[in-house]
Amino acid sequence: MSRTTDVDLAGLLHLTAAHFETLAQERGVAFAVETPPSAPAHADPEKLQRVFLNLLSNAFKCTPEGGRVRCVLGIADEHVAVAIQDSGSGVPPALREAIFD
């Protein structure tokens, strides 16, 4: 069941990313979160937080010690985009088609 409400996506991303600060320090991973001061939206915050947690967890699993993880939230027109980038090796080409199955 979807529970949409007004939510600040920038705040939600920062709150979620905070769970990874200690891990980043322990592994020497440069960790950056870049957002505007706020990004209001009408969405399901629990589902979005789960998505952010999954993406960040995968990024940290795939990033070697001394690597980097970067989260960027941007707003263009009335659309919001979130990108989570890491310096890991990426998904092997043979598995890319099945990634969203």
PDB file of N, CA and C in Angstrom:
ATOM      1  N   MET A   1       0.838  -1.181   0.000  1.00  0.00           N
ATOM      2  CA  MET A   1       0.000   0.000   0.000  1.00  0.00           C
ATOM      3  C   MET A   1       0.883   1.245   0.000  1.00  0.00           C
ATOM      4  N   SER A   2       0.633   2.112  -0.919  1.00  0.00           N
ATOM      5  CA  SER A   2       1.438   3.327  -1.039  1.00  0.00           C
ATOM      6  C   SER A   2       0.910   4.396  -0.090  1.00  0.00           C
ATOM      7  N   ARG A   3       1.818   5.031   0.612  1.00  0.00           N
ATOM      8  CA  ARG A   3       1.450   6.098   1.550  1.00  0.00           C
ATOM      9  C   ARG A   3       2.180   7.366   1.150  1.00  0.00           C
ATOM     10  N   THR A   4       1.619   8.062   0.192  1.00  0.00           N
ATOM     11  CA  THR A   4       2.271   9.281  -0.273  1.00  0.00           C
ATOM     12  C   THR A   4       1.939  10.443   0.645  1.00  0.00           C
ATOM     13  N   THR A   5       2.902  11.320   0.761  1.00  0.00           N
ATOM     14  CA  THR A   5       2.765  12.505   1.583  1.00  0.00           C
ATOM     15  C   THR A   5       3.776  13.534   1.082  1.00  0.00           C
ATOM     16  N   ASP A   6       3.691  14.744   1.576  1.00  0.00           N
ATOM     17  CA  ASP A   6       4.699  15.743   1.231  1.00  0.00           C
ATOM     18  C   ASP A   6       5.991  15.391   1.962  1.00  0.00           C
ATOM     19  N   VAL A   7       7.082  15.384   1.224  1.00  0.00           N
ATOM     20  CA  VAL A   7       8.372  14.982   1.790  1.00  0.00           C
ATOM     21  C   VAL A   7       9.474  15.835   1.169  1.00  0.00           C
ATOM     22  N   ASP A   8      10.515  16.086   1.937  1.00  0.00           N
ATOM     23  CA  ASP A   8      11.703  16.781   1.429  1.00  0.00           C
ATOM     24  C   ASP A   8      12.711  15.718   1.013  1.00  0.00           C
ATOM     25  N   LEU A   9      12.852  15.507  -0.287  1.00  0.00           N
ATOM     26  CA  LEU A   9      13.747  14.460  -0.782  1.00  0.00           C
ATOM     27  C   LEU A   9      15.204  14.714  -0.404  1.00  0.00           C
ATOM     28  N   ALA A  10      15.605  15.974  -0.364  1.00  0.00           N
ATOM     29  CA  ALA A  10      16.983  16.289   0.032  1.00  0.00           C
ATOM     30  C   ALA A  10      17.225  15.842   1.478  1.00  0.00           C
ATOM     31  N   GLY A  11      16.300  16.170   2.352  1.00  0.00           N
ATOM     32  CA  GLY A  11      16.424  15.762   3.746  1.00  0.00           C
ATOM     33  C   GLY A  11      16.393  14.255   3.905  1.00  0.00           C
ATOM     34  N   LEU A  12      15.520  13.595   3.153  1.00  0.00           N
ATOM     35  CA  LEU A  12      15.425  12.135   3.214  1.00  0.00           C
ATOM     36  C   LEU A  12      16.711  11.472   2.733  1.00  0.00           C
ATOM     37  N   LEU A  13      17.304  12.002   1.665  1.00  0.00           N
ATOM     38  CA  LEU A  13      18.557  11.432   1.167  1.00  0.00           C
ATOM     39  C   LEU A  13      19.682  11.640   2.183  1.00  0.00           C
ATOM     40  N   HIS A  14      19.769  12.825   2.777  1.00  0.00           N
ATOM     41  CA  HIS A  14      20.801  13.071   3.800  1.00  0.00           C
ATOM     42  C   HIS A  14      20.603  12.149   5.009  1.00  0.00           C
ATOM     43  N   LEU A  15      19.349  11.988   5.441  1.00  0.00           N
ATOM     44  CA  LEU A  15      19.050  11.119   6.582  1.00  0.00           C
ATOM     45  C   LEU A  15      19.453   9.677   6.290  1.00  0.00           C
ATOM     46  N   THR A  16      19.141   9.215   5.094  1.00  0.00           N
ATOM     47  CA  THR A  16      19.480   7.844   4.706  1.00  0.00           C
ATOM     48  C   THR A  16      20.989   7.669   4.560  1.00  0.00           C
ATOM     49  N   ALA A  17      21.633   8.640   3.947  1.00  0.00           N
ATOM     50  CA  ALA A  17      23.084   8.557   3.733  1.00  0.00           C
ATOM     51  C   ALA A  17      23.850   8.559   5.050  1.00  0.00           C
ATOM     52  N   ALA A  18      23.294   9.173   6.070  1.00  0.00           N
ATOM     53  CA  ALA A  18      23.973   9.228   7.372  1.00  0.00           C
ATOM     54  C   ALA A  18      24.248   7.832   7.927  1.00  0.00           C
ATOM     55  N   HIS A  19      23.447   6.842   7.531  1.00  0.00           N
ATOM     56  CA  HIS A  19      23.663   5.462   7.987  1.00  0.00           C
ATOM     57  C   HIS A  19      24.979   4.880   7.463  1.00  0.00           C
ATOM     58  N   PHE A  20      25.563   5.508   6.463  1.00  0.00           N
ATOM     59  CA  PHE A  20      26.770   4.973   5.826  1.00  0.00           C
ATOM     60  C   PHE A  20      28.035   5.760   6.173  1.00  0.00           C
ATOM     61  N   GLU A  21      27.912   6.806   6.963  1.00  0.00           N
ATOM     62  CA  GLU A  21      29.069   7.647   7.308  1.00  0.00           C
ATOM     63  C   GLU A  21      30.163   6.854   8.017  1.00  0.00           C
ATOM     64  N   THR A  22      29.796   6.072   9.007  1.00  0.00           N
ATOM     65  CA  THR A  22      30.785   5.300   9.764  1.00  0.00           C
ATOM     66  C   THR A  22      31.465   4.278   8.866  1.00  0.00           C
ATOM     67  N   LEU A  23      30.691   3.586   8.045  1.00  0.00           N
ATOM     68  CA  LEU A  23      31.257   2.607   7.118  1.00  0.00           C
ATOM     69  C   LEU A  23      32.246   3.284   6.170  1.00  0.00           C
ATOM     70  N   ALA A  24      31.886   4.447   5.673  1.00  0.00           N
ATOM     71  CA  ALA A  24      32.774   5.182   4.766  1.00  0.00           C
ATOM     72  C   ALA A  24      34.090   5.507   5.468  1.00  0.00           C
ATOM     73  N   GLN A  25      34.018   5.984   6.704  1.00  0.00           N
ATOM     74  CA  GLN A  25      35.235   6.316   7.453  1.00  0.00           C
ATOM     75  C   GLN A  25      36.074   5.076   7.709  1.00  0.00           C
ATOM     76  N   GLU A  26      35.441   3.993   8.112  1.00  0.00           N
ATOM     77  CA  GLU A  26      36.170   2.760   8.414  1.00  0.00           C
ATOM     78  C   GLU A  26      36.900   2.211   7.197  1.00  0.00           C
ATOM     79  N   ARG A  27      36.310   2.370   6.020  1.00  0.00           N
ATOM     80  CA  ARG A  27      36.892   1.819   4.800  1.00  0.00           C
ATOM     81  C   ARG A  27      37.679   2.845   3.999  1.00  0.00           C
ATOM     82  N   GLY A  28      37.785   4.055   4.518  1.00  0.00           N
ATOM     83  CA  GLY A  28      38.531   5.086   3.796  1.00  0.00           C
ATOM     84  C   GLY A  28      37.887   5.475   2.486  1.00  0.00           C
ATOM     85  N   VAL A  29      36.559   5.389   2.427  1.00  0.00           N
ATOM     86  CA  VAL A  29      35.820   5.737   1.216  1.00  0.00           C
ATOM     87  C   VAL A  29      35.408   7.197   1.288  1.00  0.00           C
ATOM     88  N   ALA A  30      35.756   7.958   0.268  1.00  0.00           N
ATOM     89  CA  ALA A  30      35.309   9.350   0.175  1.00  0.00           C
ATOM     90  C   ALA A  30      33.818   9.319  -0.129  1.00  0.00           C
ATOM     91  N   PHE A  31      33.020   9.926   0.733  1.00  0.00           N
ATOM     92  CA  PHE A  31      31.563   9.850   0.621  1.00  0.00           C
ATOM     93  C   PHE A  31      30.997  11.254   0.591  1.00  0.00           C
ATOM     94  N   ALA A  32      30.299  11.588  -0.487  1.00  0.00           N
ATOM     95  CA  ALA A  32      29.728  12.931  -0.638  1.00  0.00           C
ATOM     96  C   ALA A  32      28.247  12.826  -0.975  1.00  0.00           C
ATOM     97  N   VAL A  33      27.473  13.726  -0.391  1.00  0.00           N
ATOM     98  CA  VAL A  33      26.049  13.843  -0.695  1.00  0.00           C
ATOM     99  C   VAL A  33      25.818  15.281  -1.111  1.00  0.00           C
ATOM    100  N   GLU A  34      25.352  15.469  -2.340  1.00  0.00           N
ATOM    101  CA  GLU A  34      25.160  16.809  -2.891  1.00  0.00           C
ATOM    102  C   GLU A  34      23.690  16.994  -3.238  1.00  0.00           C
ATOM    103  N   THR A  35      23.052  17.954  -2.561  1.00  0.00           N
ATOM    104  CA  THR A  35      21.642  18.241  -2.799  1.00  0.00           C
ATOM    105  C   THR A  35      21.416  19.739  -2.699  1.00  0.00           C
ATOM    106  N   PRO A  36      20.318  20.214  -3.267  1.00  0.00           N
ATOM    107  CA  PRO A  36      19.921  21.584  -2.973  1.00  0.00           C
ATOM    108  C   PRO A  36      19.457  21.634  -1.515  1.00  0.00           C
ATOM    109  N   PRO A  37      19.238  22.834  -0.968  1.00  0.00           N
ATOM    110  CA  PRO A  37      18.796  22.918   0.428  1.00  0.00           C
ATOM    111  C   PRO A  37      17.521  22.124   0.709  1.00  0.00           C
ATOM    112  N   SER A  38      16.608  22.075  -0.254  1.00  0.00           N
ATOM    113  CA  SER A  38      15.411  21.259  -0.099  1.00  0.00           C
ATOM    114  C   SER A  38      14.923  20.828  -1.479  1.00  0.00           C
ATOM    115  N   ALA A  39      14.160  19.756  -1.488  1.00  0.00           N
ATOM    116  CA  ALA A  39      13.581  19.235  -2.728  1.00  0.00           C
ATOM    117  C   ALA A  39      12.207  18.668  -2.390  1.00  0.00           C
ATOM    118  N   PRO A  40      11.208  19.556  -2.305  1.00  0.00           N
ATOM    119  CA  PRO A  40       9.879  19.083  -1.926  1.00  0.00           C
ATOM    120  C   PRO A  40       9.245  18.210  -3.003  1.00  0.00           C
ATOM    121  N   ALA A  41       8.534  17.170  -2.547  1.00  0.00           N
ATOM    122  CA  ALA A  41       7.849  16.266  -3.468  1.00  0.00           C
ATOM    123  C   ALA A  41       6.681  15.628  -2.736  1.00  0.00           C
ATOM    124  N   HIS A  42       5.807  15.039  -3.497  1.00  0.00           N
ATOM    125  CA  HIS A  42       4.708  14.250  -2.934  1.00  0.00           C
ATOM    126  C   HIS A  42       5.018  12.803  -3.296  1.00  0.00           C
ATOM    127  N   ALA A  43       5.412  12.013  -2.308  1.00  0.00           N
ATOM    128  CA  ALA A  43       5.892  10.661  -2.582  1.00  0.00           C
ATOM    129  C   ALA A  43       5.719   9.792  -1.341  1.00  0.00           C
ATOM    130  N   ASP A  44       6.066   8.531  -1.479  1.00  0.00           N
ATOM    131  CA  ASP A  44       6.044   7.600  -0.362  1.00  0.00           C
ATOM    132  C   ASP A  44       7.446   7.568   0.248  1.00  0.00           C
ATOM    133  N   PRO A  45       7.660   8.236   1.388  1.00  0.00           N
ATOM    134  CA  PRO A  45       9.011   8.331   1.946  1.00  0.00           C
ATOM    135  C   PRO A  45       9.603   6.984   2.357  1.00  0.00           C
ATOM    136  N   GLU A  46       8.772   6.041   2.816  1.00  0.00           N
ATOM    137  CA  GLU A  46       9.298   4.737   3.222  1.00  0.00           C
ATOM    138  C   GLU A  46       9.853   3.977   2.018  1.00  0.00           C
ATOM    139  N   LYS A  47       9.122   3.996   0.913  1.00  0.00           N
ATOM    140  CA  LYS A  47       9.602   3.304  -0.286  1.00  0.00           C
ATOM    141  C   LYS A  47      10.849   3.974  -0.841  1.00  0.00           C
ATOM    142  N   LEU A  48      10.856   5.301  -0.851  1.00  0.00           N
ATOM    143  CA  LEU A  48      12.038   6.004  -1.352  1.00  0.00           C
ATOM    144  C   LEU A  48      13.247   5.737  -0.468  1.00  0.00           C
ATOM    145  N   GLN A  49      13.052   5.727   0.838  1.00  0.00           N
ATOM    146  CA  GLN A  49      14.173   5.451   1.727  1.00  0.00           C
ATOM    147  C   GLN A  49      14.709   4.041   1.480  1.00  0.00           C
ATOM    148  N   ARG A  50      13.822   3.083   1.228  1.00  0.00           N
ATOM    149  CA  ARG A  50      14.254   1.718   0.935  1.00  0.00           C
ATOM    150  C   ARG A  50      15.076   1.684  -0.357  1.00  0.00           C
ATOM    151  N   VAL A  51      14.638   2.440  -1.367  1.00  0.00           N
ATOM    152  CA  VAL A  51      15.394   2.516  -2.623  1.00  0.00           C
ATOM    153  C   VAL A  51      16.768   3.131  -2.368  1.00  0.00           C
ATOM    154  N   PHE A  52      16.806   4.258  -1.637  1.00  0.00           N
ATOM    155  CA  PHE A  52      18.088   4.908  -1.335  1.00  0.00           C
ATOM    156  C   PHE A  52      19.005   3.965  -0.566  1.00  0.00           C
ATOM    157  N   LEU A  53      18.451   3.261   0.430  1.00  0.00           N
ATOM    158  CA  LEU A  53      19.261   2.315   1.212  1.00  0.00           C
ATOM    159  C   LEU A  53      19.825   1.207   0.335  1.00  0.00           C
ATOM    160  N   ASN A  54      19.004   0.661  -0.552  1.00  0.00           N
ATOM    161  CA  ASN A  54      19.472  -0.411  -1.439  1.00  0.00           C
ATOM    162  C   ASN A  54      20.573   0.079  -2.371  1.00  0.00           C
ATOM    163  N   LEU A  55      20.372   1.244  -2.973  1.00  0.00           N
ATOM    164  CA  LEU A  55      21.379   1.775  -3.892  1.00  0.00           C
ATOM    165  C   LEU A  55      22.687   2.091  -3.174  1.00  0.00           C
ATOM    166  N   LEU A  56      22.584   2.707  -2.000  1.00  0.00           N
ATOM    167  CA  LEU A  56      23.803   3.027  -1.248  1.00  0.00           C
ATOM    168  C   LEU A  56      24.492   1.758  -0.758  1.00  0.00           C
ATOM    169  N   SER A  57      23.714   0.799  -0.301  1.00  0.00           N
ATOM    170  CA  SER A  57      24.294  -0.468   0.149  1.00  0.00           C
ATOM    171  C   SER A  57      25.052  -1.141  -0.987  1.00  0.00           C
ATOM    172  N   ASN A  58      24.446  -1.189  -2.162  1.00  0.00           N
ATOM    173  CA  ASN A  58      25.127  -1.774  -3.320  1.00  0.00           C
ATOM    174  C   ASN A  58      26.381  -0.995  -3.682  1.00  0.00           C
ATOM    175  N   ALA A  59      26.312   0.317  -3.621  1.00  0.00           N
ATOM    176  CA  ALA A  59      27.486   1.137  -3.951  1.00  0.00           C
ATOM    177  C   ALA A  59      28.635   0.832  -2.996  1.00  0.00           C
ATOM    178  N   PHE A  60      28.337   0.728  -1.704  1.00  0.00           N
ATOM    179  CA  PHE A  60      29.401   0.456  -0.735  1.00  0.00           C
ATOM    180  C   PHE A  60      29.919  -0.977  -0.852  1.00  0.00           C
ATOM    181  N   LYS A  61      29.055  -1.919  -1.215  1.00  0.00           N
ATOM    182  CA  LYS A  61      29.507  -3.303  -1.409  1.00  0.00           C
ATOM    183  C   LYS A  61      30.494  -3.401  -2.562  1.00  0.00           C
ATOM    184  N   CYS A  62      30.288  -2.575  -3.581  1.00  0.00           N
ATOM    185  CA  CYS A  62      31.088  -2.668  -4.801  1.00  0.00           C
ATOM    186  C   CYS A  62      32.283  -1.722  -4.821  1.00  0.00           C
ATOM    187  N   THR A  63      32.404  -0.868  -3.820  1.00  0.00           N
ATOM    188  CA  THR A  63      33.478   0.112  -3.805  1.00  0.00           C
ATOM    189  C   THR A  63      34.648  -0.401  -2.979  1.00  0.00           C
ATOM    190  N   PRO A  64      35.832  -0.430  -3.556  1.00  0.00           N
ATOM    191  CA  PRO A  64      36.999  -0.897  -2.798  1.00  0.00           C
ATOM    192  C   PRO A  64      37.412   0.119  -1.729  1.00  0.00           C
ATOM    193  N   GLU A  65      38.191  -0.355  -0.766  1.00  0.00           N
ATOM    194  CA  GLU A  65      38.737   0.559   0.243  1.00  0.00           C
ATOM    195  C   GLU A  65      39.473   1.682  -0.471  1.00  0.00           C
ATOM    196  N   GLY A  66      39.312   2.894   0.038  1.00  0.00           N
ATOM    197  CA  GLY A  66      39.955   4.053  -0.568  1.00  0.00           C
ATOM    198  C   GLY A  66      39.217   4.578  -1.794  1.00  0.00           C
ATOM    199  N   GLY A  67      38.080   3.977  -2.115  1.00  0.00           N
ATOM    200  CA  GLY A  67      37.307   4.409  -3.274  1.00  0.00           C
ATOM    201  C   GLY A  67      36.428   5.607  -2.945  1.00  0.00           C
ATOM    202  N   ARG A  68      35.385   5.791  -3.765  1.00  0.00           N
ATOM    203  CA  ARG A  68      34.493   6.922  -3.519  1.00  0.00           C
ATOM    204  C   ARG A  68      33.056   6.557  -3.880  1.00  0.00           C
ATOM    205  N   VAL A  69      32.129   7.149  -3.118  1.00  0.00           N
ATOM    206  CA  VAL A  69      30.699   7.039  -3.367  1.00  0.00           C
ATOM    207  C   VAL A  69      30.150   8.461  -3.338  1.00  0.00           C
ATOM    208  N   ARG A  70      29.325   8.764  -4.335  1.00  0.00           N
ATOM    209  CA  ARG A  70      28.783  10.122  -4.457  1.00  0.00           C
ATOM    210  C   ARG A  70      27.289  10.038  -4.736  1.00  0.00           C
ATOM    211  N   CYS A  71      26.502  10.784  -3.956  1.00  0.00           N
ATOM    212  CA  CYS A  71      25.054  10.874  -4.159  1.00  0.00           C
ATOM    213  C   CYS A  71      24.752  12.292  -4.612  1.00  0.00           C
ATOM    214  N   VAL A  72      24.004  12.410  -5.690  1.00  0.00           N
ATOM    215  CA  VAL A  72      23.646  13.725  -6.200  1.00  0.00           C
ATOM    216  C   VAL A  72      22.147  13.754  -6.436  1.00  0.00           C
ATOM    217  N   LEU A  73      21.480  14.756  -5.876  1.00  0.00           N
ATOM    218  CA  LEU A  73      20.068  14.977  -6.125  1.00  0.00           C
ATOM    219  C   LEU A  73      19.958  16.297  -6.858  1.00  0.00           C
ATOM    220  N   GLY A  74      19.337  16.278  -8.009  1.00  0.00           N
ATOM    221  CA  GLY A  74      19.196  17.490  -8.800  1.00  0.00           C
ATOM    222  C   GLY A  74      17.745  17.730  -9.181  1.00  0.00           C
ATOM    223  N   ILE A  75      17.415  18.973  -9.403  1.00  0.00           N
ATOM    224  CA  ILE A  75      16.071  19.357  -9.805  1.00  0.00           C
ATOM    225  C   ILE A  75      16.169  20.088 -11.138  1.00  0.00           C
ATOM    226  N   ALA A  76      15.366  19.649 -12.105  1.00  0.00           N
ATOM    227  CA  ALA A  76      15.284  20.317 -13.406  1.00  0.00           C
ATOM    228  C   ALA A  76      13.807  20.436 -13.753  1.00  0.00           C
ATOM    229  N   ASP A  77      13.377  21.638 -14.028  1.00  0.00           N
ATOM    230  CA  ASP A  77      11.954  21.902 -14.244  1.00  0.00           C
ATOM    231  C   ASP A  77      11.205  21.409 -13.009  1.00  0.00           C
ATOM    232  N   GLU A  78      10.287  20.502 -13.183  1.00  0.00           N
ATOM    233  CA  GLU A  78       9.557  19.967 -12.030  1.00  0.00           C
ATOM    234  C   GLU A  78       9.925  18.506 -11.760  1.00  0.00           C
ATOM    235  N   HIS A  79      11.091  18.104 -12.241  1.00  0.00           N
ATOM    236  CA  HIS A  79      11.539  16.724 -12.081  1.00  0.00           C
ATOM    237  C   HIS A  79      12.745  16.661 -11.148  1.00  0.00           C
ATOM    238  N   VAL A  80      12.813  15.588 -10.403  1.00  0.00           N
ATOM    239  CA  VAL A  80      13.932  15.345  -9.496  1.00  0.00           C
ATOM    240  C   VAL A  80      14.667  14.103  -9.984  1.00  0.00           C
ATOM    241  N   ALA A  81      15.989  14.171  -9.984  1.00  0.00           N
ATOM    242  CA  ALA A  81      16.809  13.017 -10.352  1.00  0.00           C
ATOM    243  C   ALA A  81      17.808  12.757  -9.233  1.00  0.00           C
ATOM    244  N   VAL A  82      17.975  11.487  -8.906  1.00  0.00           N
ATOM    245  CA  VAL A  82      18.952  11.073  -7.904  1.00  0.00           C
ATOM    246  C   VAL A  82      19.932  10.133  -8.591  1.00  0.00           C
ATOM    247  N   ALA A  83      21.222  10.429  -8.433  1.00  0.00           N
ATOM    248  CA  ALA A  83      22.269   9.567  -8.990  1.00  0.00           C
ATOM    249  C   ALA A  83      23.180   9.137  -7.854  1.00  0.00           C
ATOM    250  N   ILE A  84      23.474   7.853  -7.802  1.00  0.00           N
ATOM    251  CA  ILE A  84      24.425   7.335  -6.824  1.00  0.00           C
ATOM    252  C   ILE A  84      25.534   6.679  -7.629  1.00  0.00           C
ATOM    253  N   GLN A  85      26.724   7.244  -7.492  1.00  0.00           N
ATOM    254  CA  GLN A  85      27.882   6.807  -8.270  1.00  0.00           C
ATOM    255  C   GLN A  85      28.930   6.222  -7.331  1.00  0.00           C
ATOM    256  N   ASP A  86      29.648   5.227  -7.814  1.00  0.00           N
ATOM    257  CA  ASP A  86      30.736   4.673  -7.013  1.00  0.00           C
ATOM    258  C   ASP A  86      31.909   4.347  -7.919  1.00  0.00           C
ATOM    259  N   SER A  87      33.044   4.091  -7.293  1.00  0.00           N
ATOM    260  CA  SER A  87      34.254   3.797  -8.057  1.00  0.00           C
ATOM    261  C   SER A  87      34.514   2.292  -8.148  1.00  0.00           C
ATOM    262  N   GLY A  88      33.476   1.501  -7.947  1.00  0.00           N
ATOM    263  CA  GLY A  88      33.606   0.054  -8.077  1.00  0.00           C
ATOM    264  C   GLY A  88      33.703  -0.362  -9.531  1.00  0.00           C
ATOM    265  N   SER A  89      33.822  -1.651  -9.748  1.00  0.00           N
ATOM    266  CA  SER A  89      34.029  -2.172 -11.099  1.00  0.00           C
ATOM    267  C   SER A  89      32.754  -2.200 -11.933  1.00  0.00           C
ATOM    268  N   GLY A  90      31.600  -2.018 -11.325  1.00  0.00           N
ATOM    269  CA  GLY A  90      30.343  -2.009 -12.072  1.00  0.00           C
ATOM    270  C   GLY A  90      29.777  -3.398 -12.263  1.00  0.00           C
ATOM    271  N   VAL A  91      28.616  -3.441 -12.875  1.00  0.00           N
ATOM    272  CA  VAL A  91      27.932  -4.703 -13.130  1.00  0.00           C
ATOM    273  C   VAL A  91      28.564  -5.348 -14.359  1.00  0.00           C
ATOM    274  N   PRO A  92      28.924  -6.623 -14.260  1.00  0.00           N
ATOM    275  CA  PRO A  92      29.498  -7.302 -15.429  1.00  0.00           C
ATOM    276  C   PRO A  92      28.531  -7.237 -16.611  1.00  0.00           C
ATOM    277  N   PRO A  93      29.056  -7.031 -17.812  1.00  0.00           N
ATOM    278  CA  PRO A  93      28.193  -6.899 -18.989  1.00  0.00           C
ATOM    279  C   PRO A  93      27.181  -8.034 -19.151  1.00  0.00           C
ATOM    280  N   ALA A  94      27.552  -9.245 -18.816  1.00  0.00           N
ATOM    281  CA  ALA A  94      26.658 -10.383 -18.981  1.00  0.00           C
ATOM    282  C   ALA A  94      25.432 -10.318 -18.069  1.00  0.00           C
ATOM    283  N   LEU A  95      25.514  -9.560 -16.985  1.00  0.00           N
ATOM    284  CA  LEU A  95      24.404  -9.478 -16.029  1.00  0.00           C
ATOM    285  C   LEU A  95      23.557  -8.219 -16.186  1.00  0.00           C
ATOM    286  N   ARG A  96      23.950  -7.288 -17.022  1.00  0.00           N
ATOM    287  CA  ARG A  96      23.262  -5.998 -17.125  1.00  0.00           C
ATOM    288  C   ARG A  96      21.812  -6.102 -17.573  1.00  0.00           C
ATOM    289  N   GLU A  97      21.518  -7.028 -18.464  1.00  0.00           N
ATOM    290  CA  GLU A  97      20.144  -7.149 -18.937  1.00  0.00           C
ATOM    291  C   GLU A  97      19.208  -7.680 -17.859  1.00  0.00           C
ATOM    292  N   ALA A  98      19.707  -8.468 -16.944  1.00  0.00           N
ATOM    293  CA  ALA A  98      18.872  -9.092 -15.915  1.00  0.00           C
ATOM    294  C   ALA A  98      18.777  -8.260 -14.640  1.00  0.00           C
ATOM    295  N   ILE A  99      19.426  -7.113 -14.593  1.00  0.00           N
ATOM    296  CA  ILE A  99      19.536  -6.363 -13.351  1.00  0.00           C
ATOM    297  C   ILE A  99      18.189  -5.924 -12.768  1.00  0.00           C
ATOM    298  N   PHE A 100      17.206  -5.638 -13.619  1.00  0.00           N
ATOM    299  CA  PHE A 100      15.917  -5.166 -13.127  1.00  0.00           C
ATOM    300  C   PHE A 100      14.822  -6.220 -13.167  1.00  0.00           C
ATOM    301  N   ASP A 101      15.199  -7.476 -13.422  1.00  0.00           N
ATOM    302  CA  ASP A 101      14.189  -8.564 -13.419  1.00  0.00           C
ATOM    303  C   ASP A 101      13.694  -8.837 -12.014  1.00  0.00           C
TER     304      ASP A 101
END
